[in-house]
Amino acid sequence: MECRPATGRTHQIRVHLRHAGLPLVGDTSYGGRPLQLSELKGSYRFKSEQPERPLMARVALHAEQLVVRHPVSGESVTIVCPSPKDLVVAIRYLRRFATS
């Protein structure tokens, strides 16, 4: 999902998605739950000696691109950041095992 915040207000994306009934994975402050592989993969085998860890240990929110005005020149500056590995892995598991 792509979101384009209209203001710099803290938690804007998280609050609006919760209101729409779409809380972010791992966002326990706004109704999101951790993503567990055992919930996706029917053949998941639990390890008895340790509890299952979530696929992501954080809120599943990432700013892929920021566009800002340079404070001196006024020119538009674009900053791009590829998705972090934990998010890429979580998306891969969702695409592979999640049902519609």
PDB file of N, CA and C in Angstrom:
ATOM      1  N   MET A   1       0.840  -1.159   0.000  1.00  0.00           N
ATOM      2  CA  MET A   1       0.000   0.000   0.000  1.00  0.00           C
ATOM      3  C   MET A   1       0.893   1.233   0.000  1.00  0.00           C
ATOM      4  N   GLU A   2       0.504   2.208  -0.748  1.00  0.00           N
ATOM      5  CA  GLU A   2       1.243   3.463  -0.770  1.00  0.00           C
ATOM      6  C   GLU A   2       0.421   4.532  -0.067  1.00  0.00           C
ATOM      7  N   CYS A   3       1.063   5.242   0.830  1.00  0.00           N
ATOM      8  CA  CYS A   3       0.409   6.335   1.559  1.00  0.00           C
ATOM      9  C   CYS A   3       1.197   7.609   1.326  1.00  0.00           C
ATOM     10  N   ARG A   4       0.486   8.691   1.182  1.00  0.00           N
ATOM     11  CA  ARG A   4       1.123   9.993   0.997  1.00  0.00           C
ATOM     12  C   ARG A   4       0.581  10.947   2.060  1.00  0.00           C
ATOM     13  N   PRO A   5       1.291  11.089   3.171  1.00  0.00           N
ATOM     14  CA  PRO A   5       0.806  11.958   4.241  1.00  0.00           C
ATOM     15  C   PRO A   5       0.684  13.409   3.781  1.00  0.00           C
ATOM     16  N   ALA A   6      -0.393  14.052   4.214  1.00  0.00           N
ATOM     17  CA  ALA A   6      -0.644  15.440   3.824  1.00  0.00           C
ATOM     18  C   ALA A   6       0.047  16.423   4.759  1.00  0.00           C
ATOM     19  N   THR A   7       0.340  15.987   5.969  1.00  0.00           N
ATOM     20  CA  THR A   7       1.000  16.857   6.940  1.00  0.00           C
ATOM     21  C   THR A   7       2.120  16.081   7.598  1.00  0.00           C
ATOM     22  N   GLY A   8       2.862  16.744   8.443  1.00  0.00           N
ATOM     23  CA  GLY A   8       3.928  16.082   9.177  1.00  0.00           C
ATOM     24  C   GLY A   8       3.482  15.619  10.547  1.00  0.00           C
ATOM     25  N   ARG A   9       2.183  15.455  10.736  1.00  0.00           N
ATOM     26  CA  ARG A   9       1.666  15.076  12.046  1.00  0.00           C
ATOM     27  C   ARG A   9       2.109  13.667  12.424  1.00  0.00           C
ATOM     28  N   THR A  10       2.545  13.520  13.650  1.00  0.00           N
ATOM     29  CA  THR A  10       3.010  12.233  14.159  1.00  0.00           C
ATOM     30  C   THR A  10       1.900  11.192  14.089  1.00  0.00           C
ATOM     31  N   HIS A  11       2.210  10.017  13.625  1.00  0.00           N
ATOM     32  CA  HIS A  11       1.312   8.859  13.586  1.00  0.00           C
ATOM     33  C   HIS A  11       0.166   9.000  12.589  1.00  0.00           C
ATOM     34  N   GLN A  12       0.197   9.981  11.685  1.00  0.00           N
ATOM     35  CA  GLN A  12      -0.905  10.217  10.766  1.00  0.00           C
ATOM     36  C   GLN A  12      -1.288   8.960   9.978  1.00  0.00           C
ATOM     37  N   ILE A  13      -0.327   8.285   9.384  1.00  0.00           N
ATOM     38  CA  ILE A  13      -0.618   7.089   8.590  1.00  0.00           C
ATOM     39  C   ILE A  13      -1.197   5.999   9.481  1.00  0.00           C
ATOM     40  N   ARG A  14      -0.612   5.793  10.638  1.00  0.00           N
ATOM     41  CA  ARG A  14      -1.047   4.732  11.544  1.00  0.00           C
ATOM     42  C   ARG A  14      -2.482   4.952  12.017  1.00  0.00           C
ATOM     43  N   VAL A  15      -2.824   6.181  12.358  1.00  0.00           N
ATOM     44  CA  VAL A  15      -4.167   6.499  12.847  1.00  0.00           C
ATOM     45  C   VAL A  15      -5.204   6.314  11.738  1.00  0.00           C
ATOM     46  N   HIS A  16      -4.918   6.814  10.549  1.00  0.00           N
ATOM     47  CA  HIS A  16      -5.875   6.709   9.447  1.00  0.00           C
ATOM     48  C   HIS A  16      -6.093   5.257   9.013  1.00  0.00           C
ATOM     49  N   LEU A  17      -5.027   4.474   8.970  1.00  0.00           N
ATOM     50  CA  LEU A  17      -5.188   3.070   8.597  1.00  0.00           C
ATOM     51  C   LEU A  17      -5.989   2.305   9.649  1.00  0.00           C
ATOM     52  N   ARG A  18      -5.760   2.588  10.911  1.00  0.00           N
ATOM     53  CA  ARG A  18      -6.556   1.951  11.972  1.00  0.00           C
ATOM     54  C   ARG A  18      -8.033   2.317  11.818  1.00  0.00           C
ATOM     55  N   HIS A  19      -8.303   3.576  11.568  1.00  0.00           N
ATOM     56  CA  HIS A  19      -9.683   4.033  11.402  1.00  0.00           C
ATOM     57  C   HIS A  19     -10.356   3.326  10.216  1.00  0.00           C
ATOM     58  N   ALA A  20      -9.589   3.027   9.183  1.00  0.00           N
ATOM     59  CA  ALA A  20     -10.116   2.330   8.011  1.00  0.00           C
ATOM     60  C   ALA A  20     -10.207   0.818   8.232  1.00  0.00           C
ATOM     61  N   GLY A  21      -9.827   0.343   9.425  1.00  0.00           N
ATOM     62  CA  GLY A  21      -9.863  -1.088   9.720  1.00  0.00           C
ATOM     63  C   GLY A  21      -8.680  -1.839   9.157  1.00  0.00           C
ATOM     64  N   LEU A  22      -7.584  -1.134   8.888  1.00  0.00           N
ATOM     65  CA  LEU A  22      -6.385  -1.734   8.305  1.00  0.00           C
ATOM     66  C   LEU A  22      -5.150  -1.417   9.140  1.00  0.00           C
ATOM     67  N   PRO A  23      -5.122  -1.837  10.406  1.00  0.00           N
ATOM     68  CA  PRO A  23      -3.942  -1.512  11.222  1.00  0.00           C
ATOM     69  C   PRO A  23      -2.690  -2.182  10.659  1.00  0.00           C
ATOM     70  N   LEU A  24      -1.567  -1.540  10.879  1.00  0.00           N
ATOM     71  CA  LEU A  24      -0.293  -2.059  10.385  1.00  0.00           C
ATOM     72  C   LEU A  24       0.159  -3.279  11.189  1.00  0.00           C
ATOM     73  N   VAL A  25       0.790  -4.207  10.505  1.00  0.00           N
ATOM     74  CA  VAL A  25       1.367  -5.374  11.178  1.00  0.00           C
ATOM     75  C   VAL A  25       2.355  -4.889  12.239  1.00  0.00           C
ATOM     76  N   GLY A  26       2.237  -5.441  13.430  1.00  0.00           N
ATOM     77  CA  GLY A  26       3.167  -5.129  14.507  1.00  0.00           C
ATOM     78  C   GLY A  26       2.880  -3.836  15.239  1.00  0.00           C
ATOM     79  N   ASP A  27       1.855  -3.097  14.838  1.00  0.00           N
ATOM     80  CA  ASP A  27       1.548  -1.808  15.457  1.00  0.00           C
ATOM     81  C   ASP A  27       0.537  -2.005  16.589  1.00  0.00           C
ATOM     82  N   THR A  28       1.008  -2.538  17.696  1.00  0.00           N
ATOM     83  CA  THR A  28       0.119  -2.854  18.818  1.00  0.00           C
ATOM     84  C   THR A  28      -0.515  -1.614  19.430  1.00  0.00           C
ATOM     85  N   SER A  29       0.089  -0.450  19.267  1.00  0.00           N
ATOM     86  CA  SER A  29      -0.498   0.794  19.779  1.00  0.00           C
ATOM     87  C   SER A  29      -1.769   1.175  19.032  1.00  0.00           C
ATOM     88  N   TYR A  30      -1.898   0.730  17.791  1.00  0.00           N
ATOM     89  CA  TYR A  30      -3.049   1.087  16.963  1.00  0.00           C
ATOM     90  C   TYR A  30      -3.791  -0.140  16.435  1.00  0.00           C
ATOM     91  N   GLY A  31      -3.785  -1.216  17.193  1.00  0.00           N
ATOM     92  CA  GLY A  31      -4.601  -2.375  16.859  1.00  0.00           C
ATOM     93  C   GLY A  31      -3.980  -3.405  15.940  1.00  0.00           C
ATOM     94  N   GLY A  32      -2.736  -3.232  15.561  1.00  0.00           N
ATOM     95  CA  GLY A  32      -2.074  -4.219  14.704  1.00  0.00           C
ATOM     96  C   GLY A  32      -1.489  -5.348  15.535  1.00  0.00           C
ATOM     97  N   ARG A  33      -1.411  -6.506  14.949  1.00  0.00           N
ATOM     98  CA  ARG A  33      -0.849  -7.672  15.640  1.00  0.00           C
ATOM     99  C   ARG A  33       0.483  -8.054  15.008  1.00  0.00           C
ATOM    100  N   PRO A  34       1.333  -8.724  15.779  1.00  0.00           N
ATOM    101  CA  PRO A  34       2.574  -9.236  15.192  1.00  0.00           C
ATOM    102  C   PRO A  34       2.242 -10.272  14.107  1.00  0.00           C
ATOM    103  N   LEU A  35       3.089 -10.391  13.112  1.00  0.00           N
ATOM    104  CA  LEU A  35       2.907 -11.370  12.046  1.00  0.00           C
ATOM    105  C   LEU A  35       3.696 -12.624  12.404  1.00  0.00           C
ATOM    106  N   GLN A  36       2.970 -13.708  12.622  1.00  0.00           N
ATOM    107  CA  GLN A  36       3.584 -14.987  12.987  1.00  0.00           C
ATOM    108  C   GLN A  36       3.535 -15.927  11.782  1.00  0.00           C
ATOM    109  N   LEU A  37       4.635 -16.575  11.483  1.00  0.00           N
ATOM    110  CA  LEU A  37       4.675 -17.521  10.375  1.00  0.00           C
ATOM    111  C   LEU A  37       3.690 -18.665  10.606  1.00  0.00           C
ATOM    112  N   SER A  38       3.481 -19.055  11.853  1.00  0.00           N
ATOM    113  CA  SER A  38       2.555 -20.151  12.154  1.00  0.00           C
ATOM    114  C   SER A  38       1.121 -19.819  11.759  1.00  0.00           C
ATOM    115  N   GLU A  39       0.774 -18.539  11.676  1.00  0.00           N
ATOM    116  CA  GLU A  39      -0.575 -18.144  11.253  1.00  0.00           C
ATOM    117  C   GLU A  39      -0.747 -18.224   9.739  1.00  0.00           C
ATOM    118  N   LEU A  40       0.352 -18.241   9.012  1.00  0.00           N
ATOM    119  CA  LEU A  40       0.307 -18.270   7.555  1.00  0.00           C
ATOM    120  C   LEU A  40       0.540 -19.662   6.985  1.00  0.00           C
ATOM    121  N   LYS A  41       1.484 -20.354   7.570  1.00  0.00           N
ATOM    122  CA  LYS A  41       1.950 -21.634   7.031  1.00  0.00           C
ATOM    123  C   LYS A  41       1.333 -22.782   7.816  1.00  0.00           C
ATOM    124  N   GLY A  42       0.450 -23.504   7.160  1.00  0.00           N
ATOM    125  CA  GLY A  42      -0.244 -24.609   7.825  1.00  0.00           C
ATOM    126  C   GLY A  42       0.673 -25.697   8.345  1.00  0.00           C
ATOM    127  N   SER A  43       1.802 -25.926   7.689  1.00  0.00           N
ATOM    128  CA  SER A  43       2.721 -26.989   8.092  1.00  0.00           C
ATOM    129  C   SER A  43       3.821 -26.490   9.024  1.00  0.00           C
ATOM    130  N   TYR A  44       3.622 -25.316   9.627  1.00  0.00           N
ATOM    131  CA  TYR A  44       4.637 -24.757  10.512  1.00  0.00           C
ATOM    132  C   TYR A  44       4.856 -25.683  11.699  1.00  0.00           C
ATOM    133  N   ARG A  45       6.109 -25.928  12.061  1.00  0.00           N
ATOM    134  CA  ARG A  45       6.445 -26.797  13.196  1.00  0.00           C
ATOM    135  C   ARG A  45       7.027 -25.945  14.319  1.00  0.00           C
ATOM    136  N   PHE A  46       6.346 -25.939  15.444  1.00  0.00           N
ATOM    137  CA  PHE A  46       6.814 -25.179  16.598  1.00  0.00           C
ATOM    138  C   PHE A  46       8.040 -25.851  17.200  1.00  0.00           C
ATOM    139  N   LYS A  47       8.952 -25.036  17.693  1.00  0.00           N
ATOM    140  CA  LYS A  47      10.111 -25.553  18.428  1.00  0.00           C
ATOM    141  C   LYS A  47       9.739 -25.492  19.899  1.00  0.00           C
ATOM    142  N   SER A  48       9.733 -26.629  20.546  1.00  0.00           N
ATOM    143  CA  SER A  48       9.251 -26.696  21.930  1.00  0.00           C
ATOM    144  C   SER A  48      10.126 -25.945  22.930  1.00  0.00           C
ATOM    145  N   GLU A  49      11.386 -25.769  22.633  1.00  0.00           N
ATOM    146  CA  GLU A  49      12.297 -25.149  23.593  1.00  0.00           C
ATOM    147  C   GLU A  49      12.279 -23.619  23.570  1.00  0.00           C
ATOM    148  N   GLN A  50      11.618 -23.012  22.584  1.00  0.00           N
ATOM    149  CA  GLN A  50      11.577 -21.547  22.536  1.00  0.00           C
ATOM    150  C   GLN A  50      10.271 -21.055  21.917  1.00  0.00           C
ATOM    151  N   PRO A  51       9.812 -19.876  22.330  1.00  0.00           N
ATOM    152  CA  PRO A  51       8.578 -19.332  21.747  1.00  0.00           C
ATOM    153  C   PRO A  51       8.817 -18.819  20.324  1.00  0.00           C
ATOM    154  N   GLU A  52       7.770 -18.815  19.545  1.00  0.00           N
ATOM    155  CA  GLU A  52       7.870 -18.314  18.173  1.00  0.00           C
ATOM    156  C   GLU A  52       8.085 -16.801  18.180  1.00  0.00           C
ATOM    157  N   ARG A  53       8.992 -16.356  17.338  1.00  0.00           N
ATOM    158  CA  ARG A  53       9.244 -14.919  17.196  1.00  0.00           C
ATOM    159  C   ARG A  53       8.459 -14.404  15.995  1.00  0.00           C
ATOM    160  N   PRO A  54       7.975 -13.153  16.059  1.00  0.00           N
ATOM    161  CA  PRO A  54       7.278 -12.590  14.896  1.00  0.00           C
ATOM    162  C   PRO A  54       8.227 -12.439  13.707  1.00  0.00           C
ATOM    163  N   LEU A  55       7.668 -12.439  12.504  1.00  0.00           N
ATOM    164  CA  LEU A  55       8.487 -12.235  11.310  1.00  0.00           C
ATOM    165  C   LEU A  55       9.132 -10.858  11.302  1.00  0.00           C
ATOM    166  N   MET A  56       8.458  -9.887  11.920  1.00  0.00           N
ATOM    167  CA  MET A  56       9.003  -8.544  12.049  1.00  0.00           C
ATOM    168  C   MET A  56       8.911  -8.137  13.515  1.00  0.00           C
ATOM    169  N   ALA A  57       9.984  -7.587  14.045  1.00  0.00           N
ATOM    170  CA  ALA A  57      10.006  -7.171  15.452  1.00  0.00           C
ATOM    171  C   ALA A  57       9.766  -5.663  15.570  1.00  0.00           C
ATOM    172  N   ARG A  58       8.975  -5.111  14.646  1.00  0.00           N
ATOM    173  CA  ARG A  58       8.699  -3.670  14.633  1.00  0.00           C
ATOM    174  C   ARG A  58       7.423  -3.425  13.845  1.00  0.00           C
ATOM    175  N   VAL A  59       7.016  -2.173  13.789  1.00  0.00           N
ATOM    176  CA  VAL A  59       5.855  -1.782  12.996  1.00  0.00           C
ATOM    177  C   VAL A  59       6.225  -1.883  11.513  1.00  0.00           C
ATOM    178  N   ALA A  60       5.334  -2.459  10.726  1.00  0.00           N
ATOM    179  CA  ALA A  60       5.589  -2.657   9.296  1.00  0.00           C
ATOM    180  C   ALA A  60       5.291  -1.377   8.518  1.00  0.00           C
ATOM    181  N   LEU A  61       6.125  -0.392   8.726  1.00  0.00           N
ATOM    182  CA  LEU A  61       5.974   0.894   8.054  1.00  0.00           C
ATOM    183  C   LEU A  61       7.357   1.333   7.576  1.00  0.00           C
ATOM    184  N   HIS A  62       7.444   1.712   6.313  1.00  0.00           N
ATOM    185  CA  HIS A  62       8.738   2.085   5.738  1.00  0.00           C
ATOM    186  C   HIS A  62       8.554   3.229   4.750  1.00  0.00           C
ATOM    187  N   ALA A  63       9.353   4.261   4.882  1.00  0.00           N
ATOM    188  CA  ALA A  63       9.351   5.372   3.924  1.00  0.00           C
ATOM    189  C   ALA A  63      10.317   5.034   2.799  1.00  0.00           C
ATOM    190  N   GLU A  64       9.781   4.620   1.689  1.00  0.00           N
ATOM    191  CA  GLU A  64      10.605   4.239   0.547  1.00  0.00           C
ATOM    192  C   GLU A  64      11.219   5.460  -0.133  1.00  0.00           C
ATOM    193  N   GLN A  65      10.474   6.556  -0.116  1.00  0.00           N
ATOM    194  CA  GLN A  65      10.955   7.753  -0.794  1.00  0.00           C
ATOM    195  C   GLN A  65      10.461   9.000  -0.077  1.00  0.00           C
ATOM    196  N   LEU A  66      11.351   9.970   0.061  1.00  0.00           N
ATOM    197  CA  LEU A  66      11.003  11.270   0.621  1.00  0.00           C
ATOM    198  C   LEU A  66      11.406  12.335  -0.384  1.00  0.00           C
ATOM    199  N   VAL A  67      10.527  13.293  -0.591  1.00  0.00           N
ATOM    200  CA  VAL A  67      10.836  14.419  -1.466  1.00  0.00           C
ATOM    201  C   VAL A  67      10.725  15.682  -0.621  1.00  0.00           C
ATOM    202  N   VAL A  68      11.816  16.419  -0.527  1.00  0.00           N
ATOM    203  CA  VAL A  68      11.854  17.642   0.284  1.00  0.00           C
ATOM    204  C   VAL A  68      12.498  18.768  -0.517  1.00  0.00           C
ATOM    205  N   ARG A  69      12.274  19.970  -0.075  1.00  0.00           N
ATOM    206  CA  ARG A  69      12.916  21.137  -0.678  1.00  0.00           C
ATOM    207  C   ARG A  69      14.237  21.393   0.033  1.00  0.00           C
ATOM    208  N   HIS A  70      15.296  21.615  -0.722  1.00  0.00           N
ATOM    209  CA  HIS A  70      16.594  21.940  -0.141  1.00  0.00           C
ATOM    210  C   HIS A  70      16.469  23.292   0.556  1.00  0.00           C
ATOM    211  N   PRO A  71      16.954  23.404   1.808  1.00  0.00           N
ATOM    212  CA  PRO A  71      16.748  24.643   2.571  1.00  0.00           C
ATOM    213  C   PRO A  71      17.470  25.870   2.007  1.00  0.00           C
ATOM    214  N   VAL A  72      18.523  25.660   1.227  1.00  0.00           N
ATOM    215  CA  VAL A  72      19.272  26.800   0.685  1.00  0.00           C
ATOM    216  C   VAL A  72      18.866  27.091  -0.764  1.00  0.00           C
ATOM    217  N   SER A  73      18.913  26.056  -1.597  1.00  0.00           N
ATOM    218  CA  SER A  73      18.654  26.261  -3.030  1.00  0.00           C
ATOM    219  C   SER A  73      17.163  26.252  -3.370  1.00  0.00           C
ATOM    220  N   GLY A  74      16.362  25.625  -2.533  1.00  0.00           N
ATOM    221  CA  GLY A  74      14.933  25.512  -2.819  1.00  0.00           C
ATOM    222  C   GLY A  74      14.607  24.429  -3.829  1.00  0.00           C
ATOM    223  N   GLU A  75      15.627  23.737  -4.333  1.00  0.00           N
ATOM    224  CA  GLU A  75      15.396  22.665  -5.302  1.00  0.00           C
ATOM    225  C   GLU A  75      14.806  21.437  -4.616  1.00  0.00           C
ATOM    226  N   SER A  76      14.078  20.650  -5.385  1.00  0.00           N
ATOM    227  CA  SER A  76      13.490  19.416  -4.887  1.00  0.00           C
ATOM    228  C   SER A  76      14.584  18.353  -4.760  1.00  0.00           C
ATOM    229  N   VAL A  77      14.642  17.727  -3.609  1.00  0.00           N
ATOM    230  CA  VAL A  77      15.617  16.666  -3.355  1.00  0.00           C
ATOM    231  C   VAL A  77      14.842  15.383  -3.051  1.00  0.00           C
ATOM    232  N   THR A  78      15.161  14.312  -3.762  1.00  0.00           N
ATOM    233  CA  THR A  78      14.502  13.021  -3.552  1.00  0.00           C
ATOM    234  C   THR A  78      15.474  12.073  -2.872  1.00  0.00           C
ATOM    235  N   ILE A  79      15.022  11.487  -1.781  1.00  0.00           N
ATOM    236  CA  ILE A  79      15.821  10.516  -1.033  1.00  0.00           C
ATOM    237  C   ILE A  79      15.102   9.175  -1.143  1.00  0.00           C
ATOM    238  N   VAL A  80      15.808   8.160  -1.630  1.00  0.00           N
ATOM    239  CA  VAL A  80      15.222   6.836  -1.832  1.00  0.00           C
ATOM    240  C   VAL A  80      15.922   5.844  -0.914  1.00  0.00           C
ATOM    241  N   CYS A  81      15.135   4.981  -0.280  1.00  0.00           N
ATOM    242  CA  CYS A  81      15.672   3.964   0.619  1.00  0.00           C
ATOM    243  C   CYS A  81      14.990   2.633   0.311  1.00  0.00           C
ATOM    244  N   PRO A  82      15.735   1.623  -0.091  1.00  0.00           N
ATOM    245  CA  PRO A  82      15.116   0.323  -0.383  1.00  0.00           C
ATOM    246  C   PRO A  82      14.491  -0.277   0.865  1.00  0.00           C
ATOM    247  N   SER A  83      13.555  -1.168   0.655  1.00  0.00           N
ATOM    248  CA  SER A  83      12.886  -1.830   1.774  1.00  0.00           C
ATOM    249  C   SER A  83      13.884  -2.626   2.602  1.00  0.00           C
ATOM    250  N   PRO A  84      13.747  -2.593   3.938  1.00  0.00           N
ATOM    251  CA  PRO A  84      14.646  -3.370   4.787  1.00  0.00           C
ATOM    252  C   PRO A  84      14.369  -4.869   4.649  1.00  0.00           C
ATOM    253  N   LYS A  85      15.376  -5.644   4.970  1.00  0.00           N
ATOM    254  CA  LYS A  85      15.316  -7.096   4.773  1.00  0.00           C
ATOM    255  C   LYS A  85      14.130  -7.738   5.491  1.00  0.00           C
ATOM    256  N   ASP A  86      13.840  -7.322   6.732  1.00  0.00           N
ATOM    257  CA  ASP A  86      12.735  -7.957   7.458  1.00  0.00           C
ATOM    258  C   ASP A  86      11.393  -7.714   6.771  1.00  0.00           C
ATOM    259  N   LEU A  87      11.208  -6.550   6.184  1.00  0.00           N
ATOM    260  CA  LEU A  87       9.968  -6.251   5.468  1.00  0.00           C
ATOM    261  C   LEU A  87       9.878  -7.059   4.181  1.00  0.00           C
ATOM    262  N   VAL A  88      10.987  -7.176   3.468  1.00  0.00           N
ATOM    263  CA  VAL A  88      11.023  -7.974   2.237  1.00  0.00           C
ATOM    264  C   VAL A  88      10.681  -9.435   2.538  1.00  0.00           C
ATOM    265  N   VAL A  89      11.236  -9.981   3.606  1.00  0.00           N
ATOM    266  CA  VAL A  89      10.969 -11.373   3.984  1.00  0.00           C
ATOM    267  C   VAL A  89       9.500 -11.546   4.374  1.00  0.00           C
ATOM    268  N   ALA A  90       8.955 -10.634   5.156  1.00  0.00           N
ATOM    269  CA  ALA A  90       7.550 -10.722   5.567  1.00  0.00           C
ATOM    270  C   ALA A  90       6.624 -10.679   4.354  1.00  0.00           C
ATOM    271  N   ILE A  91       6.900  -9.801   3.421  1.00  0.00           N
ATOM    272  CA  ILE A  91       6.075  -9.710   2.204  1.00  0.00           C
ATOM    273  C   ILE A  91       6.180 -10.992   1.398  1.00  0.00           C
ATOM    274  N   ARG A  92       7.367 -11.546   1.316  1.00  0.00           N
ATOM    275  CA  ARG A  92       7.558 -12.816   0.586  1.00  0.00           C
ATOM    276  C   ARG A  92       6.700 -13.932   1.205  1.00  0.00           C
ATOM    277  N   TYR A  93       6.715 -14.042   2.543  1.00  0.00           N
ATOM    278  CA  TYR A  93       5.901 -15.067   3.207  1.00  0.00           C
ATOM    279  C   TYR A  93       4.407 -14.809   3.018  1.00  0.00           C
ATOM    280  N   LEU A  94       3.992 -13.569   3.075  1.00  0.00           N
ATOM    281  CA  LEU A  94       2.578 -13.243   2.863  1.00  0.00           C
ATOM    282  C   LEU A  94       2.140 -13.632   1.460  1.00  0.00           C
ATOM    283  N   ARG A  95       2.943 -13.312   0.474  1.00  0.00           N
ATOM    284  CA  ARG A  95       2.594 -13.664  -0.910  1.00  0.00           C
ATOM    285  C   ARG A  95       2.551 -15.176  -1.112  1.00  0.00           C
ATOM    286  N   ARG A  96       3.413 -15.877  -0.416  1.00  0.00           N
ATOM    287  CA  ARG A  96       3.501 -17.332  -0.604  1.00  0.00           C
ATOM    288  C   ARG A  96       2.413 -18.084   0.154  1.00  0.00           C
ATOM    289  N   PHE A  97       2.097 -17.664   1.379  1.00  0.00           N
ATOM    290  CA  PHE A  97       1.215 -18.474   2.214  1.00  0.00           C
ATOM    291  C   PHE A  97      -0.146 -17.853   2.549  1.00  0.00           C
ATOM    292  N   ALA A  98      -0.303 -16.564   2.429  1.00  0.00           N
ATOM    293  CA  ALA A  98      -1.571 -15.934   2.828  1.00  0.00           C
ATOM    294  C   ALA A  98      -2.671 -16.302   1.830  1.00  0.00           C
ATOM    295  N   THR A  99      -3.844 -16.529   2.363  1.00  0.00           N
ATOM    296  CA  THR A  99      -4.993 -16.828   1.505  1.00  0.00           C
ATOM    297  C   THR A  99      -5.829 -15.580   1.330  1.00  0.00           C
ATOM    298  N   SER A 100      -6.519 -15.500   0.245  1.00  0.00           N
ATOM    299  CA  SER A 100      -7.349 -14.313  -0.034  1.00  0.00           C
ATOM    300  C   SER A 100      -8.643 -14.363   0.735  1.00  0.00           C
TER     301      SER A 100
END
